[in-house]
PDB file of N, CA and C in Angstrom:
ATOM      1  N   UNK A   1       0.840  -1.179   0.000  1.00  0.00           N
ATOM      2  CA  UNK A   1       0.000   0.000   0.000  1.00  0.00           C
ATOM      3  C   UNK A   1       0.887   1.245   0.000  1.00  0.00           C
ATOM      4  N   UNK A   2       0.649   2.125  -0.952  1.00  0.00           N
ATOM      5  CA  UNK A   2       1.456   3.329  -1.105  1.00  0.00           C
ATOM      6  C   UNK A   2       0.900   4.449  -0.227  1.00  0.00           C
ATOM      7  N   UNK A   3       1.800   5.068   0.493  1.00  0.00           N
ATOM      8  CA  UNK A   3       1.348   6.151   1.362  1.00  0.00           C
ATOM      9  C   UNK A   3       1.517   7.492   0.657  1.00  0.00           C
ATOM     10  N   UNK A   4       0.812   8.500   1.148  1.00  0.00           N
ATOM     11  CA  UNK A   4       0.907   9.840   0.577  1.00  0.00           C
ATOM     12  C   UNK A   4       2.223  10.519   0.931  1.00  0.00           C
ATOM     13  N   UNK A   5       2.907  10.027   1.948  1.00  0.00           N
ATOM     14  CA  UNK A   5       4.157  10.643   2.397  1.00  0.00           C
ATOM     15  C   UNK A   5       5.364  10.152   1.593  1.00  0.00           C
ATOM     16  N   UNK A   6       5.196   9.114   0.810  1.00  0.00           N
ATOM     17  CA  UNK A   6       6.328   8.556   0.097  1.00  0.00           C
ATOM     18  C   UNK A   6       7.008   9.554  -0.839  1.00  0.00           C
ATOM     19  N   UNK A   7       6.277  10.313  -1.668  1.00  0.00           N
ATOM     20  CA  UNK A   7       6.964  11.312  -2.508  1.00  0.00           C
ATOM     21  C   UNK A   7       7.703  12.368  -1.681  1.00  0.00           C
ATOM     22  N   UNK A   8       7.153  12.754  -0.548  1.00  0.00           N
ATOM     23  CA  UNK A   8       7.815  13.726   0.319  1.00  0.00           C
ATOM     24  C   UNK A   8       9.129  13.168   0.850  1.00  0.00           C
ATOM     25  N   UNK A   9       9.141  11.901   1.209  1.00  0.00           N
ATOM     26  CA  UNK A   9      10.352  11.258   1.699  1.00  0.00           C
ATOM     27  C   UNK A   9      11.418  11.243   0.597  1.00  0.00           C
ATOM     28  N   UNK A  10      11.023  10.939  -0.633  1.00  0.00           N
ATOM     29  CA  UNK A  10      11.959  10.947  -1.756  1.00  0.00           C
ATOM     30  C   UNK A  10      12.554  12.332  -1.967  1.00  0.00           C
ATOM     31  N   UNK A  11      11.737  13.352  -1.874  1.00  0.00           N
ATOM     32  CA  UNK A  11      12.215  14.723  -2.060  1.00  0.00           C
ATOM     33  C   UNK A  11      13.205  15.093  -0.956  1.00  0.00           C
ATOM     34  N   UNK A  12      12.887  14.771   0.274  1.00  0.00           N
ATOM     35  CA  UNK A  12      13.763  15.092   1.402  1.00  0.00           C
ATOM     36  C   UNK A  12      15.092  14.352   1.265  1.00  0.00           C
ATOM     37  N   UNK A  13      15.062  13.084   0.907  1.00  0.00           N
ATOM     38  CA  UNK A  13      16.296  12.321   0.737  1.00  0.00           C
ATOM     39  C   UNK A  13      17.139  12.857  -0.416  1.00  0.00           C
ATOM     40  N   UNK A  14      16.492  13.230  -1.499  1.00  0.00           N
ATOM     41  CA  UNK A  14      17.203  13.783  -2.643  1.00  0.00           C
ATOM     42  C   UNK A  14      17.872  15.100  -2.279  1.00  0.00           C
ATOM     43  N   UNK A  15      17.149  15.974  -1.599  1.00  0.00           N
ATOM     44  CA  UNK A  15      17.718  17.255  -1.186  1.00  0.00           C
ATOM     45  C   UNK A  15      18.879  17.060  -0.206  1.00  0.00           C
ATOM     46  N   UNK A  16      18.729  16.137   0.709  1.00  0.00           N
ATOM     47  CA  UNK A  16      19.782  15.864   1.685  1.00  0.00           C
ATOM     48  C   UNK A  16      21.047  15.368   0.989  1.00  0.00           C
ATOM     49  N   UNK A  17      20.896  14.440   0.069  1.00  0.00           N
ATOM     50  CA  UNK A  17      22.057  13.921  -0.668  1.00  0.00           C
ATOM     51  C   UNK A  17      22.707  15.011  -1.507  1.00  0.00           C
ATOM     52  N   UNK A  18      21.905  15.859  -2.119  1.00  0.00           N
ATOM     53  CA  UNK A  18      22.438  16.948  -2.929  1.00  0.00           C
ATOM     54  C   UNK A  18      23.236  17.919  -2.074  1.00  0.00           C
ATOM     55  N   UNK A  19      22.711  18.269  -0.925  1.00  0.00           N
ATOM     56  CA  UNK A  19      23.412  19.189  -0.024  1.00  0.00           C
ATOM     57  C   UNK A  19      24.737  18.590   0.433  1.00  0.00           C
ATOM     58  N   UNK A  20      24.742  17.310   0.760  1.00  0.00           N
ATOM     59  CA  UNK A  20      25.977  16.647   1.184  1.00  0.00           C
ATOM     60  C   UNK A  20      27.000  16.665   0.061  1.00  0.00           C
ATOM     61  N   UNK A  21      26.573  16.362  -1.149  1.00  0.00           N
ATOM     62  CA  UNK A  21      27.498  16.368  -2.281  1.00  0.00           C
ATOM     63  C   UNK A  21      28.076  17.752  -2.528  1.00  0.00           C
ATOM     64  N   UNK A  22      27.259  18.772  -2.421  1.00  0.00           N
ATOM     65  CA  UNK A  22      27.732  20.139  -2.648  1.00  0.00           C
ATOM     66  C   UNK A  22      28.720  20.552  -1.565  1.00  0.00           C
ATOM     67  N   UNK A  23      28.438  20.189  -0.338  1.00  0.00           N
ATOM     68  CA  UNK A  23      29.330  20.578   0.749  1.00  0.00           C
ATOM     69  C   UNK A  23      30.687  19.898   0.656  1.00  0.00           C
ATOM     70  N   UNK A  24      30.735  18.695   0.098  1.00  0.00           N
ATOM     71  CA  UNK A  24      31.992  17.960   0.030  1.00  0.00           C
ATOM     72  C   UNK A  24      32.673  18.059  -1.332  1.00  0.00           C
ATOM     73  N   UNK A  25      32.294  19.004  -2.130  1.00  0.00           N
ATOM     74  CA  UNK A  25      32.962  19.223  -3.407  1.00  0.00           C
ATOM     75  C   UNK A  25      33.500  20.643  -3.456  1.00  0.00           C
ATOM     76  N   UNK A  26      34.120  20.955  -4.553  1.00  0.00           N
ATOM     77  CA  UNK A  26      34.701  22.280  -4.714  1.00  0.00           C
ATOM     78  C   UNK A  26      33.673  23.320  -5.131  1.00  0.00           C
ATOM     79  N   UNK A  27      32.434  22.920  -5.346  1.00  0.00           N
ATOM     80  CA  UNK A  27      31.425  23.852  -5.828  1.00  0.00           C
ATOM     81  C   UNK A  27      31.238  24.996  -4.845  1.00  0.00           C
ATOM     82  N   UNK A  28      31.120  24.677  -3.584  1.00  0.00           N
ATOM     83  CA  UNK A  28      30.904  25.714  -2.573  1.00  0.00           C
ATOM     84  C   UNK A  28      32.110  26.650  -2.500  1.00  0.00           C
ATOM     85  N   UNK A  29      33.311  26.084  -2.499  1.00  0.00           N
ATOM     86  CA  UNK A  29      34.519  26.893  -2.408  1.00  0.00           C
ATOM     87  C   UNK A  29      34.656  27.797  -3.631  1.00  0.00           C
ATOM     88  N   UNK A  30      34.412  27.235  -4.813  1.00  0.00           N
ATOM     89  CA  UNK A  30      34.515  28.032  -6.030  1.00  0.00           C
ATOM     90  C   UNK A  30      33.468  29.139  -6.065  1.00  0.00           C
ATOM     91  N   UNK A  31      32.271  28.836  -5.620  1.00  0.00           N
ATOM     92  CA  UNK A  31      31.208  29.833  -5.592  1.00  0.00           C
ATOM     93  C   UNK A  31      31.562  30.966  -4.636  1.00  0.00           C
ATOM     94  N   UNK A  32      32.047  30.624  -3.457  1.00  0.00           N
ATOM     95  CA  UNK A  32      32.412  31.655  -2.487  1.00  0.00           C
ATOM     96  C   UNK A  32      33.583  32.494  -3.004  1.00  0.00           C
ATOM     97  N   UNK A  33      34.549  31.862  -3.662  1.00  0.00           N
ATOM     98  CA  UNK A  33      35.683  32.611  -4.211  1.00  0.00           C
ATOM     99  C   UNK A  33      35.201  33.577  -5.290  1.00  0.00           C
ATOM    100  N   UNK A  34      34.297  33.103  -6.139  1.00  0.00           N
ATOM    101  CA  UNK A  34      33.786  33.951  -7.216  1.00  0.00           C
ATOM    102  C   UNK A  34      33.028  35.153  -6.635  1.00  0.00           C
ATOM    103  N   UNK A  35      32.171  34.902  -5.655  1.00  0.00           N
ATOM    104  CA  UNK A  35      31.415  36.001  -5.048  1.00  0.00           C
ATOM    105  C   UNK A  35      32.347  36.978  -4.340  1.00  0.00           C
ATOM    106  N   UNK A  36      33.321  36.469  -3.615  1.00  0.00           N
ATOM    107  CA  UNK A  36      34.251  37.327  -2.884  1.00  0.00           C
ATOM    108  C   UNK A  36      35.106  38.137  -3.846  1.00  0.00           C
ATOM    109  N   UNK A  37      35.627  37.497  -4.878  1.00  0.00           N
ATOM    110  CA  UNK A  37      36.495  38.209  -5.818  1.00  0.00           C
ATOM    111  C   UNK A  37      35.713  39.247  -6.608  1.00  0.00           C
ATOM    112  N   UNK A  38      34.472  38.959  -6.961  1.00  0.00           N
ATOM    113  CA  UNK A  38      33.660  39.950  -7.658  1.00  0.00           C
ATOM    114  C   UNK A  38      33.431  41.168  -6.779  1.00  0.00           C
ATOM    115  N   UNK A  39      33.181  40.947  -5.497  1.00  0.00           N
ATOM    116  CA  UNK A  39      32.951  42.047  -4.563  1.00  0.00           C
ATOM    117  C   UNK A  39      34.230  42.848  -4.367  1.00  0.00           C
ATOM    118  N   UNK A  40      35.352  42.157  -4.190  1.00  0.00           N
ATOM    119  CA  UNK A  40      36.636  42.838  -3.984  1.00  0.00           C
ATOM    120  C   UNK A  40      37.008  43.624  -5.230  1.00  0.00           C
ATOM    121  N   UNK A  41      36.806  43.037  -6.412  1.00  0.00           N
ATOM    122  CA  UNK A  41      37.142  43.730  -7.661  1.00  0.00           C
ATOM    123  C   UNK A  41      36.321  45.004  -7.825  1.00  0.00           C
ATOM    124  N   UNK A  42      35.057  44.948  -7.454  1.00  0.00           N
ATOM    125  CA  UNK A  42      34.218  46.132  -7.635  1.00  0.00           C
ATOM    126  C   UNK A  42      34.578  47.229  -6.633  1.00  0.00           C
ATOM    127  N   UNK A  43      35.085  46.851  -5.464  1.00  0.00           N
ATOM    128  CA  UNK A  43      35.440  47.843  -4.441  1.00  0.00           C
ATOM    129  C   UNK A  43      36.874  48.333  -4.630  1.00  0.00           C
ATOM    130  N   UNK A  44      37.812  47.393  -4.789  1.00  0.00           N
ATOM    131  CA  UNK A  44      39.227  47.745  -4.824  1.00  0.00           C
ATOM    132  C   UNK A  44      39.700  48.203  -6.192  1.00  0.00           C
ATOM    133  N   UNK A  45      39.060  47.757  -7.219  1.00  0.00           N
ATOM    134  CA  UNK A  45      39.469  48.156  -8.560  1.00  0.00           C
ATOM    135  C   UNK A  45      40.274  47.089  -9.268  1.00  0.00           C
ATOM    136  N   UNK A  46      41.592  47.079  -9.109  1.00  0.00           N
ATOM    137  CA  UNK A  46      42.425  46.128  -9.856  1.00  0.00           C
ATOM    138  C   UNK A  46      42.209  44.691  -9.408  1.00  0.00           C
ATOM    139  N   UNK A  47      42.515  43.768 -10.312  1.00  0.00           N
ATOM    140  CA  UNK A  47      42.354  42.334 -10.042  1.00  0.00           C
ATOM    141  C   UNK A  47      43.416  41.858  -9.070  1.00  0.00           C
ATOM    142  N   UNK A  48      43.008  41.099  -8.104  1.00  0.00           N
ATOM    143  CA  UNK A  48      43.937  40.580  -7.090  1.00  0.00           C
ATOM    144  C   UNK A  48      44.488  39.229  -7.521  1.00  0.00           C
ATOM    145  N   UNK A  49      45.739  38.917  -7.103  1.00  0.00           N
ATOM    146  CA  UNK A  49      46.334  37.612  -7.396  1.00  0.00           C
ATOM    147  C   UNK A  49      45.628  36.493  -6.635  1.00  0.00           C
ATOM    148  N   UNK A  50      45.016  36.805  -5.509  1.00  0.00           N
ATOM    149  CA  UNK A  50      44.311  35.799  -4.718  1.00  0.00           C
ATOM    150  C   UNK A  50      43.065  35.282  -5.433  1.00  0.00           C
ATOM    151  N   UNK A  51      42.580  36.024  -6.402  1.00  0.00           N
ATOM    152  CA  UNK A  51      41.358  35.628  -7.110  1.00  0.00           C
ATOM    153  C   UNK A  51      41.639  34.842  -8.383  1.00  0.00           C
ATOM    154  N   UNK A  52      42.914  34.519  -8.653  1.00  0.00           N
ATOM    155  CA  UNK A  52      43.241  33.749  -9.854  1.00  0.00           C
ATOM    156  C   UNK A  52      42.864  32.310  -9.696  1.00  0.00           C
TER     157      UNK A  52
END
């Protein structure tokens, strides 16, 4: 017998696995570097070597 909560459980498990994968990959680090370097570039002007 299929319950109404089953699709919700699948969604929660999928989101949880996705979050874990993102946290343990370079995606988060690269995203934060891109956001930080864009902000620094707009404030400081010249491109920094730390943002390469």
